[in-house]
C-alpha atoms as a PDB file:
ATOM      1  CA  MET A   1       8.145 -15.373  -5.021  1.00  0.00           C
ATOM      2  CA  SER A   2      11.819 -16.086  -5.582  1.00  0.00           C
ATOM      3  CA  ARG A   3      13.406 -19.438  -4.744  1.00  0.00           C
ATOM      4  CA  ARG A   4      15.288 -17.860  -1.848  1.00  0.00           C
ATOM      5  CA  GLU A   5      12.095 -16.324  -0.456  1.00  0.00           C
ATOM      6  CA  ALA A   6      10.335 -19.677  -0.708  1.00  0.00           C
ATOM      7  CA  VAL A   7      13.143 -21.401   1.211  1.00  0.00           C
ATOM      8  CA  VAL A   8      13.104 -18.707   3.921  1.00  0.00           C
ATOM      9  CA  LEU A   9       9.325 -18.933   4.207  1.00  0.00           C
ATOM     10  CA  LYS A  10       9.423 -22.712   4.566  1.00  0.00           C
ATOM     11  CA  THR A  11      12.189 -22.483   7.185  1.00  0.00           C
ATOM     12  CA  ILE A  12      10.217 -19.967   9.246  1.00  0.00           C
ATOM     13  CA  SER A  13       7.059 -22.045   8.909  1.00  0.00           C
ATOM     14  CA  VAL A  14       8.730 -25.260  10.087  1.00  0.00           C
ATOM     15  CA  SER A  15      10.495 -23.472  12.948  1.00  0.00           C
ATOM     16  CA  LEU A  16       7.301 -21.819  14.171  1.00  0.00           C
ATOM     17  CA  ALA A  17       5.409 -25.103  13.977  1.00  0.00           C
ATOM     18  CA  GLY A  18       7.973 -26.842  16.166  1.00  0.00           C
ATOM     19  CA  LEU A  19       8.231 -23.927  18.581  1.00  0.00           C
ATOM     20  CA  SER A  20       4.454 -23.711  18.953  1.00  0.00           C
ATOM     21  CA  TYR A  21       4.434 -27.126  20.696  1.00  0.00           C
ATOM     22  CA  VAL A  22       7.175 -26.422  23.224  1.00  0.00           C
ATOM     23  CA  ALA A  23       6.805 -22.635  23.680  1.00  0.00           C
ATOM     24  CA  PRO A  24       3.495 -21.444  22.220  1.00  0.00           C
ATOM     25  CA  ALA A  25       3.704 -17.997  23.813  1.00  0.00           C
ATOM     26  CA  LEU A  26       7.111 -17.380  22.238  1.00  0.00           C
ATOM     27  CA  ALA A  27       5.856 -18.638  18.875  1.00  0.00           C
ATOM     28  CA  GLY A  28       2.967 -16.193  19.158  1.00  0.00           C
ATOM     29  CA  ARG A  29       5.324 -13.271  19.840  1.00  0.00           C
ATOM     30  CA  ILE A  30       7.495 -14.186  16.856  1.00  0.00           C
ATOM     31  CA  ALA A  31       4.475 -14.514  14.574  1.00  0.00           C
ATOM     32  CA  THR A  32       3.216 -11.133  15.790  1.00  0.00           C
ATOM     33  CA  TYR A  33       6.584  -9.561  15.011  1.00  0.00           C
ATOM     34  CA  LEU A  34       6.490 -11.038  11.518  1.00  0.00           C
ATOM     35  CA  TRP A  35       2.924  -9.769  10.956  1.00  0.00           C
ATOM     36  CA  PHE A  36       3.935  -6.183  11.720  1.00  0.00           C
ATOM     37  CA  THR A  37       7.296  -6.245   9.905  1.00  0.00           C
ATOM     38  CA  PRO A  38       7.404  -5.902   6.095  1.00  0.00           C
ATOM     39  CA  PHE A  39      11.083  -6.901   5.787  1.00  0.00           C
ATOM     40  CA  PRO A  40      11.806  -9.103   8.837  1.00  0.00           C
ATOM     41  CA  LEU A  41      15.122 -10.349   7.439  1.00  0.00           C
ATOM     42  CA  ALA A  42      16.221  -7.231   5.573  1.00  0.00           C
ATOM     43  CA  ARG A  43      19.018  -4.846   6.391  1.00  0.00           C
ATOM     44  CA  SER A  44      18.541  -1.110   6.164  1.00  0.00           C
ATOM     45  CA  ARG A  45      19.320   0.174   2.709  1.00  0.00           C
ATOM     46  CA  LEU A  46      19.206   3.400   0.783  1.00  0.00           C
ATOM     47  CA  PRO A  47      16.319   3.750  -1.673  1.00  0.00           C
ATOM     48  CA  LEU A  48      17.114   3.835  -5.369  1.00  0.00           C
ATOM     49  CA  ILE A  49      16.489   7.409  -6.482  1.00  0.00           C
ATOM     50  CA  PRO A  50      16.077   7.875 -10.249  1.00  0.00           C
ATOM     51  CA  PRO A  51      18.639  10.071 -12.040  1.00  0.00           C
ATOM     52  CA  GLY A  52      17.717  13.724 -11.674  1.00  0.00           C
ATOM     53  CA  ALA A  53      15.342  13.131  -8.758  1.00  0.00           C
ATOM     54  CA  ARG A  54      15.730  15.038  -5.510  1.00  0.00           C
ATOM     55  CA  PRO A  55      15.622  13.469  -2.023  1.00  0.00           C
ATOM     56  CA  ILE A  56      12.828  14.800   0.164  1.00  0.00           C
ATOM     57  CA  THR A  57      12.007  14.360   3.842  1.00  0.00           C
ATOM     58  CA  PHE A  58       8.890  15.129   5.857  1.00  0.00           C
ATOM     59  CA  GLN A  59       8.799  15.061   9.647  1.00  0.00           C
ATOM     60  CA  SER A  60       6.110  15.516  12.280  1.00  0.00           C
ATOM     61  CA  ALA A  61       5.522  14.253  15.807  1.00  0.00           C
ATOM     62  CA  GLY A  62       8.722  12.191  15.721  1.00  0.00           C
ATOM     63  CA  LEU A  63       7.814  10.357  12.506  1.00  0.00           C
ATOM     64  CA  VAL A  64      10.236  10.814   9.600  1.00  0.00           C
ATOM     65  CA  VAL A  65       9.064  10.117   6.056  1.00  0.00           C
ATOM     66  CA  ASN A  66      11.714   9.863   3.335  1.00  0.00           C
ATOM     67  CA  GLY A  67      11.262   9.839  -0.410  1.00  0.00           C
ATOM     68  CA  TYR A  68      12.137  11.664  -3.576  1.00  0.00           C
ATOM     69  CA  GLU A  69      10.589  14.184  -5.932  1.00  0.00           C
ATOM     70  CA  THR A  70      10.965  14.557  -9.659  1.00  0.00           C
ATOM     71  CA  GLY A  71       9.453  16.922 -12.195  1.00  0.00           C
ATOM     72  CA  ASP A  72       8.895  20.649 -11.846  1.00  0.00           C
ATOM     73  CA  GLY A  73       5.341  21.078 -13.094  1.00  0.00           C
ATOM     74  CA  PRO A  74       2.662  23.202 -11.413  1.00  0.00           C
ATOM     75  CA  ARG A  75       0.606  20.170 -10.347  1.00  0.00           C
ATOM     76  CA  THR A  76       1.542  17.798  -7.525  1.00  0.00           C
ATOM     77  CA  ALA A  77       1.202  14.020  -7.441  1.00  0.00           C
ATOM     78  CA  LEU A  78       1.753  11.937  -4.303  1.00  0.00           C
ATOM     79  CA  LEU A  79       2.596   8.271  -4.897  1.00  0.00           C
ATOM     80  CA  VAL A  80       2.354   5.610  -2.182  1.00  0.00           C
ATOM     81  CA  HIS A  81       3.739   2.055  -2.430  1.00  0.00           C
ATOM     82  CA  GLY A  82       2.336  -1.058  -0.774  1.00  0.00           C
ATOM     83  CA  TRP A  83       3.444  -3.418   2.014  1.00  0.00           C
ATOM     84  CA  ALA A  84       7.037  -4.565   1.484  1.00  0.00           C
ATOM     85  CA  GLY A  85       7.079  -2.280  -1.551  1.00  0.00           C
ATOM     86  CA  SER A  86       9.291   0.647  -2.386  1.00  0.00           C
ATOM     87  CA  SER A  87       9.321   4.054  -4.014  1.00  0.00           C
ATOM     88  CA  ARG A  88      11.370   2.438  -6.794  1.00  0.00           C
ATOM     89  CA  HIS A  89       8.254   0.622  -8.053  1.00  0.00           C
ATOM     90  CA  TYR A  90       6.896   3.904  -9.401  1.00  0.00           C
ATOM     91  CA  ARG A  91       9.770   4.857 -11.702  1.00  0.00           C
ATOM     92  CA  ARG A  92       7.833   4.292 -14.947  1.00  0.00           C
ATOM     93  CA  ILE A  93       4.729   6.022 -13.661  1.00  0.00           C
ATOM     94  CA  VAL A  94       6.541   9.120 -12.372  1.00  0.00           C
ATOM     95  CA  THR A  95       8.405   9.467 -15.652  1.00  0.00           C
ATOM     96  CA  ARG A  96       5.079   9.634 -17.472  1.00  0.00           C
ATOM     97  CA  LEU A  97       3.489  12.007 -14.983  1.00  0.00           C
ATOM     98  CA  ALA A  98       6.504  14.333 -14.993  1.00  0.00           C
ATOM     99  CA  GLU A  99       6.171  14.549 -18.776  1.00  0.00           C
ATOM    100  CA  GLN A 100       2.575  15.670 -18.219  1.00  0.00           C
ATOM    101  CA  GLY A 101       3.619  18.571 -16.019  1.00  0.00           C
ATOM    102  CA  TYR A 102       3.495  16.991 -12.570  1.00  0.00           C
ATOM    103  CA  ARG A 103       5.826  17.387  -9.654  1.00  0.00           C
ATOM    104  CA  CYS A 104       5.877  13.777  -8.438  1.00  0.00           C
ATOM    105  CA  VAL A 105       6.547  13.061  -4.768  1.00  0.00           C
ATOM    106  CA  VAL A 106       7.174   9.383  -4.001  1.00  0.00           C
ATOM    107  CA  ILE A 107       7.487   8.399  -0.358  1.00  0.00           C
ATOM    108  CA  ASP A 108       8.899   5.358   1.410  1.00  0.00           C
ATOM    109  CA  LEU A 109       6.513   4.392   4.172  1.00  0.00           C
ATOM    110  CA  PRO A 110       7.625   3.624   7.760  1.00  0.00           C
ATOM    111  CA  ALA A 111       9.647   0.386   8.043  1.00  0.00           C
ATOM    112  CA  HIS A 112      10.421   0.605   4.312  1.00  0.00           C
ATOM    113  CA  GLY A 113      13.396   2.046   2.404  1.00  0.00           C
ATOM    114  CA  ILE A 114      16.164   3.022   4.826  1.00  0.00           C
ATOM    115  CA  GLU A 115      13.871   1.908   7.670  1.00  0.00           C
ATOM    116  CA  ALA A 116      13.622  -1.674   6.350  1.00  0.00           C
ATOM    117  CA  GLY A 117      13.538  -4.310   9.058  1.00  0.00           C
ATOM    118  CA  ARG A 118      11.488  -2.316  11.522  1.00  0.00           C
ATOM    119  CA  SER A 119       7.887  -2.898  12.454  1.00  0.00           C
ATOM    120  CA  THR A 120       4.878  -0.753  11.592  1.00  0.00           C
ATOM    121  CA  ASP A 121       1.125  -0.957  11.153  1.00  0.00           C
ATOM    122  CA  LEU A 122      -1.674   0.369   8.955  1.00  0.00           C
ATOM    123  CA  PHE A 123      -2.328   3.427  11.093  1.00  0.00           C
ATOM    124  CA  GLN A 124       1.313   4.483  11.226  1.00  0.00           C
ATOM    125  CA  LEU A 125       1.419   4.169   7.433  1.00  0.00           C
ATOM    126  CA  ALA A 126      -1.634   6.438   7.289  1.00  0.00           C
ATOM    127  CA  ASP A 127       0.116   8.894   9.635  1.00  0.00           C
ATOM    128  CA  ALA A 128       3.070   9.064   7.256  1.00  0.00           C
ATOM    129  CA  ILE A 129       0.849   9.663   4.230  1.00  0.00           C
ATOM    130  CA  GLU A 130      -1.039  12.353   6.104  1.00  0.00           C
ATOM    131  CA  ILE A 131       2.214  14.048   7.146  1.00  0.00           C
ATOM    132  CA  ALA A 132       3.451  14.151   3.547  1.00  0.00           C
ATOM    133  CA  GLY A 133       0.070  15.346   2.290  1.00  0.00           C
ATOM    134  CA  ASN A 134      -0.190  18.151   4.827  1.00  0.00           C
ATOM    135  CA  ALA A 135       3.335  19.313   4.040  1.00  0.00           C
ATOM    136  CA  LEU A 136       2.673  19.349   0.303  1.00  0.00           C
ATOM    137  CA  GLY A 137      -0.519  21.366   0.570  1.00  0.00           C
ATOM    138  CA  LYS A 138      -2.698  21.160  -2.530  1.00  0.00           C
ATOM    139  CA  ILE A 139      -2.465  17.704  -4.107  1.00  0.00           C
ATOM    140  CA  ASP A 140      -3.786  17.175  -7.614  1.00  0.00           C
ATOM    141  CA  LEU A 141      -3.300  13.401  -7.804  1.00  0.00           C
ATOM    142  CA  VAL A 142      -2.727  10.499  -5.423  1.00  0.00           C
ATOM    143  CA  VAL A 143      -1.660   7.092  -6.718  1.00  0.00           C
ATOM    144  CA  ALA A 144      -1.509   4.280  -4.156  1.00  0.00           C
ATOM    145  CA  HIS A 145      -0.892   0.533  -4.383  1.00  0.00           C
ATOM    146  CA  SER A 146      -2.096  -2.437  -2.321  1.00  0.00           C
ATOM    147  CA  LEU A 147      -1.894  -1.868   1.448  1.00  0.00           C
ATOM    148  CA  GLY A 148      -0.647   1.626   0.637  1.00  0.00           C
ATOM    149  CA  ALA A 149      -4.070   2.233  -0.915  1.00  0.00           C
ATOM    150  CA  LEU A 150      -5.763   1.039   2.274  1.00  0.00           C
ATOM    151  CA  ALA A 151      -3.538   3.329   4.360  1.00  0.00           C
ATOM    152  CA  THR A 152      -4.253   6.182   1.959  1.00  0.00           C
ATOM    153  CA  GLY A 153      -7.962   5.552   2.450  1.00  0.00           C
ATOM    154  CA  VAL A 154      -7.494   5.850   6.222  1.00  0.00           C
ATOM    155  CA  ALA A 155      -5.577   9.124   5.694  1.00  0.00           C
ATOM    156  CA  MET A 156      -8.362  10.423   3.441  1.00  0.00           C
ATOM    157  CA  GLN A 157     -10.902   9.673   6.153  1.00  0.00           C
ATOM    158  CA  ARG A 158      -8.868  12.102   8.273  1.00  0.00           C
ATOM    159  CA  THR A 159      -7.403  15.156   6.498  1.00  0.00           C
ATOM    160  CA  LEU A 160      -5.797  14.038   3.228  1.00  0.00           C
ATOM    161  CA  ARG A 161      -7.445  15.637   0.186  1.00  0.00           C
ATOM    162  CA  THR A 162      -6.834  15.258  -3.538  1.00  0.00           C
ATOM    163  CA  GLU A 163      -8.597  16.159  -6.785  1.00  0.00           C
ATOM    164  CA  ARG A 164      -7.760  12.848  -8.478  1.00  0.00           C
ATOM    165  CA  LEU A 165      -7.273   9.376  -7.035  1.00  0.00           C
ATOM    166  CA  VAL A 166      -5.924   6.102  -8.427  1.00  0.00           C
ATOM    167  CA  PHE A 167      -5.953   2.926  -6.352  1.00  0.00           C
ATOM    168  CA  ILE A 168      -3.999   0.006  -7.838  1.00  0.00           C
ATOM    169  CA  ALA A 169      -4.700  -3.505  -6.491  1.00  0.00           C
ATOM    170  CA  PRO A 170      -6.196  -1.970  -3.344  1.00  0.00           C
ATOM    171  CA  ALA A 171      -6.367  -4.014  -0.175  1.00  0.00           C
ATOM    172  CA  LEU A 172      -9.705  -3.813   1.605  1.00  0.00           C
ATOM    173  CA  ARG A 173     -10.109  -6.493   4.264  1.00  0.00           C
ATOM    174  CA  PRO A 174      -7.426  -6.977   6.959  1.00  0.00           C
ATOM    175  CA  GLN A 175      -8.988 -10.357   7.688  1.00  0.00           C
ATOM    176  CA  HIS A 176      -8.071 -11.589   4.198  1.00  0.00           C
ATOM    177  CA  ALA A 177      -4.498 -10.335   4.614  1.00  0.00           C
ATOM    178  CA  PHE A 178      -4.168 -12.135   7.933  1.00  0.00           C
ATOM    179  CA  GLU A 179      -5.635 -15.377   6.619  1.00  0.00           C
ATOM    180  CA  SER A 180      -3.114 -15.305   3.756  1.00  0.00           C
ATOM    181  CA  PHE A 181      -0.291 -14.590   6.228  1.00  0.00           C
ATOM    182  CA  ALA A 182      -1.359 -17.437   8.541  1.00  0.00           C
ATOM    183  CA  ALA A 183      -1.696 -19.849   5.623  1.00  0.00           C
ATOM    184  CA  ALA A 184       1.717 -18.921   4.182  1.00  0.00           C
ATOM    185  CA  LEU A 185       3.392 -19.613   7.542  1.00  0.00           C
ATOM    186  CA  ARG A 186       1.060 -22.540   8.344  1.00  0.00           C
ATOM    187  CA  LEU A 187       0.369 -21.086  11.775  1.00  0.00           C
ATOM    188  CA  ARG A 188      -1.278 -23.345  14.295  1.00  0.00           C
ATOM    189  CA  PRO A 189      -4.590 -21.946  15.619  1.00  0.00           C
ATOM    190  CA  ALA A 190      -3.117 -21.008  19.010  1.00  0.00           C
ATOM    191  CA  VAL A 191      -0.334 -19.009  17.378  1.00  0.00           C
ATOM    192  CA  ALA A 192      -2.720 -17.312  14.958  1.00  0.00           C
ATOM    193  CA  ARG A 193      -4.962 -16.332  17.878  1.00  0.00           C
ATOM    194  CA  ALA A 194      -2.010 -14.689  19.621  1.00  0.00           C
ATOM    195  CA  VAL A 195      -1.555 -12.392  16.610  1.00  0.00           C
ATOM    196  CA  THR A 196      -5.245 -11.538  16.305  1.00  0.00           C
ATOM    197  CA  ARG A 197      -5.432 -10.787  20.043  1.00  0.00           C
ATOM    198  CA  THR A 198      -2.587  -8.307  19.646  1.00  0.00           C
ATOM    199  CA  MET A 199      -4.379  -6.642  16.735  1.00  0.00           C
ATOM    200  CA  GLU A 200      -7.602  -6.354  18.715  1.00  0.00           C
ATOM    201  CA  ASN A 201      -5.871  -5.152  21.886  1.00  0.00           C
ATOM    202  CA  ARG A 202      -4.081  -2.410  19.956  1.00  0.00           C
ATOM    203  CA  PHE A 203      -6.810  -1.283  17.601  1.00  0.00           C
ATOM    204  CA  GLY A 204     -10.111  -2.600  18.976  1.00  0.00           C
ATOM    205  CA  GLU A 205     -12.009  -5.832  18.535  1.00  0.00           C
ATOM    206  CA  ASP A 206     -13.917  -4.340  15.598  1.00  0.00           C
ATOM    207  CA  ILE A 207     -10.729  -3.641  13.593  1.00  0.00           C
ATOM    208  CA  TRP A 208     -11.501  -6.396  11.089  1.00  0.00           C
ATOM    209  CA  ASP A 209     -14.867  -4.863  10.139  1.00  0.00           C
ATOM    210  CA  ARG A 210     -14.205  -1.185  10.895  1.00  0.00           C
ATOM    211  CA  ILE A 211     -11.478  -0.792   8.277  1.00  0.00           C
ATOM    212  CA  PRO A 212     -13.426  -2.100   5.237  1.00  0.00           C
ATOM    213  CA  ALA A 213     -16.580  -0.274   6.371  1.00  0.00           C
ATOM    214  CA  GLY A 214     -14.651   2.989   6.509  1.00  0.00           C
ATOM    215  CA  MET A 215     -13.197   2.404   3.067  1.00  0.00           C
ATOM    216  CA  LEU A 216     -16.517   1.568   1.445  1.00  0.00           C
ATOM    217  CA  GLY A 217     -18.226   4.538   3.059  1.00  0.00           C
ATOM    218  CA  MET A 218     -15.575   7.198   2.451  1.00  0.00           C
ATOM    219  CA  ARG A 219     -15.981  10.067   0.006  1.00  0.00           C
ATOM    220  CA  VAL A 220     -13.667  10.043  -3.003  1.00  0.00           C
ATOM    221  CA  PRO A 221     -13.030  12.613  -5.751  1.00  0.00           C
ATOM    222  CA  GLY A 222     -15.143  12.584  -8.898  1.00  0.00           C
ATOM    223  CA  LEU A 223     -11.967  11.631 -10.744  1.00  0.00           C
ATOM    224  CA  THR A 224     -11.266   8.279  -9.111  1.00  0.00           C
ATOM    225  CA  LEU A 225      -9.977   5.154 -10.834  1.00  0.00           C
ATOM    226  CA  VAL A 226      -9.460   1.629  -9.476  1.00  0.00           C
ATOM    227  CA  ILE A 227      -7.058  -0.678 -11.365  1.00  0.00           C
ATOM    228  CA  HIS A 228      -6.566  -4.392 -10.704  1.00  0.00           C
ATOM    229  CA  ASP A 229      -4.869  -7.226 -12.572  1.00  0.00           C
ATOM    230  CA  THR A 230      -6.819 -10.436 -13.076  1.00  0.00           C
ATOM    231  CA  ASP A 231      -3.660 -12.462 -12.341  1.00  0.00           C
ATOM    232  CA  ASP A 232      -3.077 -10.826  -8.960  1.00  0.00           C
ATOM    233  CA  ASP A 233      -2.510 -13.667  -6.463  1.00  0.00           C
ATOM    234  CA  ILE A 234      -2.141 -11.391  -3.428  1.00  0.00           C
ATOM    235  CA  VAL A 235      -5.297  -9.239  -3.314  1.00  0.00           C
ATOM    236  CA  PRO A 236      -8.584 -10.520  -4.775  1.00  0.00           C
ATOM    237  CA  ILE A 237      -9.932  -8.488  -7.683  1.00  0.00           C
ATOM    238  CA  GLU A 238     -13.304  -8.558  -5.917  1.00  0.00           C
ATOM    239  CA  HIS A 239     -11.931  -5.997  -3.449  1.00  0.00           C
ATOM    240  CA  ALA A 240     -11.270  -3.530  -6.255  1.00  0.00           C
ATOM    241  CA  LYS A 241     -14.646  -4.154  -7.883  1.00  0.00           C
ATOM    242  CA  LEU A 242     -16.458  -3.644  -4.594  1.00  0.00           C
ATOM    243  CA  LEU A 243     -14.724  -0.329  -3.961  1.00  0.00           C
ATOM    244  CA  SER A 244     -15.417   0.845  -7.499  1.00  0.00           C
ATOM    245  CA  GLU A 245     -19.109  -0.039  -7.200  1.00  0.00           C
ATOM    246  CA  HIS A 246     -19.569   1.651  -3.837  1.00  0.00           C
ATOM    247  CA  TRP A 247     -17.781   4.799  -4.969  1.00  0.00           C
ATOM    248  CA  GLY A 248     -19.214   4.949  -8.482  1.00  0.00           C
ATOM    249  CA  ALA A 249     -15.592   5.128  -9.656  1.00  0.00           C
ATOM    250  CA  GLY A 250     -13.955   4.007 -12.888  1.00  0.00           C
ATOM    251  CA  PHE A 251     -12.628   0.452 -12.937  1.00  0.00           C
ATOM    252  CA  VAL A 252      -9.954  -1.065 -15.197  1.00  0.00           C
ATOM    253  CA  SER A 253      -8.810  -4.689 -15.181  1.00  0.00           C
ATOM    254  CA  THR A 254      -5.508  -5.685 -16.747  1.00  0.00           C
ATOM    255  CA  ARG A 255      -4.238  -9.192 -17.418  1.00  0.00           C
ATOM    256  CA  GLY A 256      -0.938 -11.005 -17.090  1.00  0.00           C
ATOM    257  CA  HIS A 257       0.957  -8.607 -14.831  1.00  0.00           C
ATOM    258  CA  GLY A 258       0.249  -9.772 -11.294  1.00  0.00           C
ATOM    259  CA  HIS A 259       0.163  -7.803  -8.068  1.00  0.00           C
ATOM    260  CA  ARG A 260       3.252  -5.636  -8.544  1.00  0.00           C
ATOM    261  CA  GLY A 261       3.815  -6.050 -12.265  1.00  0.00           C
ATOM    262  CA  VAL A 262       0.709  -3.970 -12.908  1.00  0.00           C
ATOM    263  CA  LEU A 263       2.716  -0.932 -11.747  1.00  0.00           C
ATOM    264  CA  ARG A 264       4.904  -1.368 -14.852  1.00  0.00           C
ATOM    265  CA  SER A 265       2.026  -2.139 -17.180  1.00  0.00           C
ATOM    266  CA  SER A 266       1.778   0.245 -20.149  1.00  0.00           C
ATOM    267  CA  GLU A 267      -1.993  -0.224 -20.120  1.00  0.00           C
ATOM    268  CA  ALA A 268      -2.300   0.799 -16.469  1.00  0.00           C
ATOM    269  CA  ILE A 269       0.084   3.718 -16.926  1.00  0.00           C
ATOM    270  CA  ASP A 270      -1.925   4.949 -19.925  1.00  0.00           C
ATOM    271  CA  HIS A 271      -5.106   4.969 -17.832  1.00  0.00           C
ATOM    272  CA  ILE A 272      -3.339   6.793 -14.996  1.00  0.00           C
ATOM    273  CA  ALA A 273      -2.056   9.373 -17.465  1.00  0.00           C
ATOM    274  CA  THR A 274      -5.556   9.873 -18.845  1.00  0.00           C
ATOM    275  CA  LEU A 275      -6.969  10.529 -15.390  1.00  0.00           C
ATOM    276  CA  ALA A 276      -4.016  12.763 -14.523  1.00  0.00           C
ATOM    277  CA  SER A 277      -4.783  15.029 -17.491  1.00  0.00           C
ATOM    278  CA  ALA A 278      -8.569  15.089 -16.998  1.00  0.00           C
ATOM    279  CA  ARG A 279     -10.228  18.235 -15.679  1.00  0.00           C
ATOM    280  CA  ALA A 280     -11.606  18.099 -12.160  1.00  0.00           C
ATOM    281  CA  GLY A 281     -15.360  17.531 -12.187  1.00  0.00           C
ATOM    282  CA  VAL A 282     -15.266  15.491 -15.411  1.00  0.00           C
ATOM    283  CA  GLY A 283     -16.126  11.793 -15.044  1.00  0.00           C
ATOM    284  CA  LEU A 284     -14.042   9.179 -16.861  1.00  0.00           C
ATOM    285  CA  GLY A 285     -16.771   6.660 -17.524  1.00  0.00           C
ATOM    286  CA  ILE A 286     -14.252   3.804 -17.463  1.00  0.00           C
ATOM    287  CA  ALA A 287     -15.413   0.273 -16.744  1.00  0.00           C
ATOM    288  CA  GLN A 288     -13.478  -2.612 -18.229  1.00  0.00           C
END
């Protein structure tokens, strides 16, 4: 976290604490807005498209999904960033995959990229991934990070299909994400309850358990790899290990890169490249 982000976070926390005493309902609405908004203070901005990449747009049922594609190979890779992430985080990975003969499609999820500052939720993220996947047709590889991995899992429980799958620092339990959010903003119990009530009213009281149960029980390709950095301070590595164990998937742990830095890690990229070049039906046997 940058110094500026820390100052903004502290300011919001102090303001919400004071407001919760004099106007708890308003504090609850503000906290709910923050929970559903990846860039609450950001202005809309154009995504950074790598040189030579081509803008791409998918649209269905009023939802517009922007991104870019690079590479002209016969195989297709779909790459999905995490919460408050960006398609730009995949520049090193797509360069490697394009060299391996992949057409790489990197999307900016709703409320990200040029949509920064707007609100969204896990299921709308899954809708966007599903829209891109259906438009692309046959997908040979999906790479997804953090909450983007969780949303990809929801999309795969619907119609999204791929021959190879890589989850990097995958989120698993919405309850953990909310507890981290509430702790970061030092929400008073009444304010925190206002947010959880909104979640349960929108998505059902079982949302906290239904999402991880669906992830653990879903079917994944034989070529599936889970990567997590031991110095990740956002998502516990236990989430990745649990998914790997339930799926019988390969697992790789890196060190010293953190939650987003792992996306630039040469070690992680090497493992992704190995899976990307493996033949469907051949297990990787990776466990580190």
